[in-house]
Amino acid sequence: MPPSPDVSTAMKEVNEVQILRRQLAQFPRREEGQTMAEYGVVLAVITVAVFGALALLSGNIVNAISRVAGYIT
């Protein structure tokens, strides 16, 4: 005897809930793209590099600005 429509509808709903549960269980495991922590590390490295370059070139930068100021006055 085939199942009644109520039973088949209930089975379909149970299957849909099981599929949704599996998808939600996999959600936190996805590791696509960068996280905010990785962006923070990249930003910190770039910031250190820029400040290092400015520290190394600061004497030359001051001299260049002084020369330009001398030409203006």
N, C-alpha and C. Protein backbone atom coordinates (compact mmCIF):
# COMPACT_ATOMS: atom_id res chain seq x y z
N MET A 1 0.84 -1.16 0.00
CA MET A 1 0.00 0.00 0.00
C MET A 1 0.90 1.24 0.00
N PRO A 2 0.71 2.23 -0.92
CA PRO A 2 1.54 3.42 -0.97
C PRO A 2 1.28 4.32 0.23
N PRO A 3 2.28 5.06 0.64
CA PRO A 3 2.09 5.95 1.79
C PRO A 3 1.08 7.03 1.48
N SER A 4 0.42 7.46 2.51
CA SER A 4 -0.57 8.53 2.33
C SER A 4 0.15 9.85 2.03
N PRO A 5 -0.53 10.82 1.43
CA PRO A 5 0.10 12.11 1.11
C PRO A 5 0.70 12.81 2.32
N ASP A 6 0.07 12.64 3.48
CA ASP A 6 0.60 13.29 4.68
C ASP A 6 1.96 12.73 5.05
N VAL A 7 2.14 11.44 4.91
CA VAL A 7 3.41 10.80 5.26
C VAL A 7 4.50 11.22 4.26
N SER A 8 4.17 11.24 2.97
CA SER A 8 5.18 11.62 1.98
C SER A 8 5.57 13.10 2.14
N THR A 9 4.61 13.94 2.47
CA THR A 9 4.92 15.36 2.71
C THR A 9 5.82 15.49 3.93
N ALA A 10 5.54 14.74 4.96
CA ALA A 10 6.36 14.79 6.18
C ALA A 10 7.76 14.28 5.88
N MET A 11 7.89 13.23 5.08
CA MET A 11 9.20 12.69 4.72
C MET A 11 10.00 13.72 3.92
N LYS A 12 9.33 14.42 3.01
CA LYS A 12 9.98 15.43 2.19
C LYS A 12 10.50 16.57 3.08
N GLU A 13 9.70 16.96 4.05
CA GLU A 13 10.11 18.03 4.97
C GLU A 13 11.29 17.60 5.82
N VAL A 14 11.28 16.34 6.26
CA VAL A 14 12.40 15.82 7.06
C VAL A 14 13.67 15.83 6.22
N ASN A 15 13.59 15.42 4.96
CA ASN A 15 14.76 15.42 4.09
C ASN A 15 15.29 16.83 3.87
N GLU A 16 14.38 17.78 3.69
CA GLU A 16 14.81 19.17 3.50
C GLU A 16 15.50 19.70 4.74
N VAL A 17 14.99 19.35 5.91
CA VAL A 17 15.60 19.79 7.16
C VAL A 17 16.98 19.15 7.32
N GLN A 18 17.12 17.89 6.96
CA GLN A 18 18.41 17.22 7.05
C GLN A 18 19.43 17.86 6.10
N ILE A 19 18.99 18.20 4.90
CA ILE A 19 19.89 18.86 3.94
C ILE A 19 20.32 20.22 4.48
N LEU A 20 19.39 20.98 5.02
CA LEU A 20 19.71 22.29 5.59
C LEU A 20 20.67 22.15 6.76
N ARG A 21 20.46 21.15 7.60
CA ARG A 21 21.34 20.93 8.74
C ARG A 21 22.76 20.62 8.28
N ARG A 22 22.90 19.80 7.24
CA ARG A 22 24.23 19.47 6.71
C ARG A 22 24.91 20.72 6.14
N GLN A 23 24.16 21.55 5.43
CA GLN A 23 24.72 22.77 4.87
C GLN A 23 25.18 23.72 5.98
N LEU A 24 24.39 23.84 7.02
CA LEU A 24 24.76 24.71 8.14
C LEU A 24 25.96 24.17 8.90
N ALA A 25 26.08 22.84 8.98
CA ALA A 25 27.22 22.25 9.66
C ALA A 25 28.51 22.51 8.89
N GLN A 26 28.45 22.60 7.58
CA GLN A 26 29.63 22.85 6.76
C GLN A 26 29.98 24.33 6.69
N PHE A 27 29.06 25.20 7.01
CA PHE A 27 29.26 26.63 6.86
C PHE A 27 30.51 27.15 7.56
N PRO A 28 30.74 26.86 8.87
CA PRO A 28 31.92 27.41 9.52
C PRO A 28 33.24 26.83 9.00
N ARG A 29 33.20 25.70 8.32
CA ARG A 29 34.42 25.06 7.85
C ARG A 29 34.94 25.67 6.55
N ARG A 30 34.11 26.43 5.87
CA ARG A 30 34.56 27.03 4.61
C ARG A 30 35.65 28.06 4.90
N GLU A 31 36.73 27.99 4.15
CA GLU A 31 37.84 28.91 4.34
C GLU A 31 38.14 29.61 3.03
N GLU A 32 37.16 30.30 2.50
CA GLU A 32 37.33 31.01 1.25
C GLU A 32 37.64 32.47 1.54
N GLY A 33 38.64 33.02 0.87
CA GLY A 33 38.94 34.43 1.04
C GLY A 33 39.74 34.71 2.30
N GLN A 34 40.02 35.97 2.52
CA GLN A 34 40.81 36.38 3.66
C GLN A 34 39.90 36.71 4.84
N THR A 35 40.48 36.53 6.01
CA THR A 35 39.76 36.92 7.22
C THR A 35 40.23 38.31 7.64
N MET A 36 39.53 38.90 8.56
CA MET A 36 39.91 40.23 9.03
C MET A 36 41.30 40.19 9.68
N ALA A 37 41.66 39.10 10.33
CA ALA A 37 42.98 38.99 10.95
C ALA A 37 44.07 39.03 9.89
N GLU A 38 43.85 38.37 8.77
CA GLU A 38 44.85 38.39 7.69
C GLU A 38 44.99 39.79 7.11
N TYR A 39 43.88 40.49 6.93
CA TYR A 39 43.93 41.86 6.45
C TYR A 39 44.70 42.73 7.45
N GLY A 40 44.49 42.51 8.73
CA GLY A 40 45.20 43.28 9.75
C GLY A 40 46.70 43.04 9.70
N VAL A 41 47.12 41.80 9.49
CA VAL A 41 48.55 41.49 9.39
C VAL A 41 49.16 42.17 8.17
N VAL A 42 48.47 42.11 7.04
CA VAL A 42 48.98 42.75 5.83
C VAL A 42 49.09 44.26 6.04
N LEU A 43 48.09 44.86 6.64
CA LEU A 43 48.12 46.30 6.91
C LEU A 43 49.27 46.66 7.84
N ALA A 44 49.52 45.85 8.86
CA ALA A 44 50.62 46.11 9.78
C ALA A 44 51.97 46.03 9.07
N VAL A 45 52.15 45.04 8.21
CA VAL A 45 53.41 44.90 7.47
C VAL A 45 53.63 46.10 6.55
N ILE A 46 52.59 46.51 5.85
CA ILE A 46 52.70 47.67 4.96
C ILE A 46 53.02 48.93 5.75
N THR A 47 52.38 49.10 6.90
CA THR A 47 52.62 50.28 7.73
C THR A 47 54.07 50.32 8.22
N VAL A 48 54.59 49.19 8.67
CA VAL A 48 55.97 49.12 9.13
C VAL A 48 56.92 49.43 7.98
N ALA A 49 56.64 48.91 6.79
CA ALA A 49 57.49 49.18 5.63
C ALA A 49 57.49 50.66 5.26
N VAL A 50 56.33 51.30 5.29
CA VAL A 50 56.25 52.72 4.95
C VAL A 50 57.00 53.56 5.97
N PHE A 51 56.81 53.29 7.27
CA PHE A 51 57.52 54.06 8.29
C PHE A 51 59.02 53.80 8.22
N GLY A 52 59.41 52.57 7.91
CA GLY A 52 60.85 52.27 7.75
C GLY A 52 61.45 53.04 6.60
N ALA A 53 60.74 53.08 5.48
CA ALA A 53 61.23 53.82 4.32
C ALA A 53 61.33 55.31 4.64
N LEU A 54 60.33 55.85 5.31
CA LEU A 54 60.36 57.27 5.68
C LEU A 54 61.52 57.56 6.64
N ALA A 55 61.78 56.65 7.56
CA ALA A 55 62.88 56.86 8.51
C ALA A 55 64.22 56.84 7.78
N LEU A 56 64.38 55.94 6.83
CA LEU A 56 65.64 55.86 6.08
C LEU A 56 65.83 57.06 5.15
N LEU A 57 64.76 57.57 4.61
CA LEU A 57 64.84 58.66 3.65
C LEU A 57 64.60 60.03 4.26
N SER A 58 64.39 60.11 5.56
CA SER A 58 64.00 61.38 6.18
C SER A 58 65.03 62.47 5.95
N GLY A 59 66.30 62.15 6.04
CA GLY A 59 67.34 63.16 5.82
C GLY A 59 67.28 63.71 4.41
N ASN A 60 67.13 62.85 3.43
CA ASN A 60 67.05 63.30 2.04
C ASN A 60 65.77 64.10 1.78
N ILE A 61 64.69 63.70 2.42
CA ILE A 61 63.42 64.41 2.25
C ILE A 61 63.54 65.83 2.80
N VAL A 62 64.15 65.98 3.98
CA VAL A 62 64.32 67.30 4.59
C VAL A 62 65.21 68.17 3.71
N ASN A 63 66.30 67.60 3.17
CA ASN A 63 67.19 68.36 2.29
C ASN A 63 66.46 68.82 1.02
N ALA A 64 65.65 67.94 0.44
CA ALA A 64 64.92 68.30 -0.78
C ALA A 64 63.91 69.41 -0.50
N ILE A 65 63.22 69.34 0.62
CA ILE A 65 62.25 70.38 0.97
C ILE A 65 62.97 71.69 1.24
N SER A 66 64.12 71.63 1.89
CA SER A 66 64.89 72.85 2.16
C SER A 66 65.36 73.49 0.86
N ARG A 67 65.82 72.69 -0.10
CA ARG A 67 66.24 73.23 -1.39
C ARG A 67 65.08 73.92 -2.13
N VAL A 68 63.93 73.27 -2.11
CA VAL A 68 62.77 73.86 -2.76
C VAL A 68 62.38 75.16 -2.07
N ALA A 69 62.43 75.17 -0.75
CA ALA A 69 62.09 76.39 0.00
C ALA A 69 63.10 77.49 -0.32
N GLY A 70 64.37 77.12 -0.52
CA GLY A 70 65.39 78.10 -0.87
C GLY A 70 65.13 78.71 -2.23
N TYR A 71 64.66 77.90 -3.18
CA TYR A 71 64.35 78.41 -4.53
C TYR A 71 63.16 79.35 -4.49
N ILE A 72 62.21 79.10 -3.61
CA ILE A 72 61.00 79.90 -3.56
C ILE A 72 61.28 81.28 -2.96
N THR A 73 62.15 81.30 -1.91
CA THR A 73 62.40 82.59 -1.23
C THR A 73 63.42 83.43 -1.92
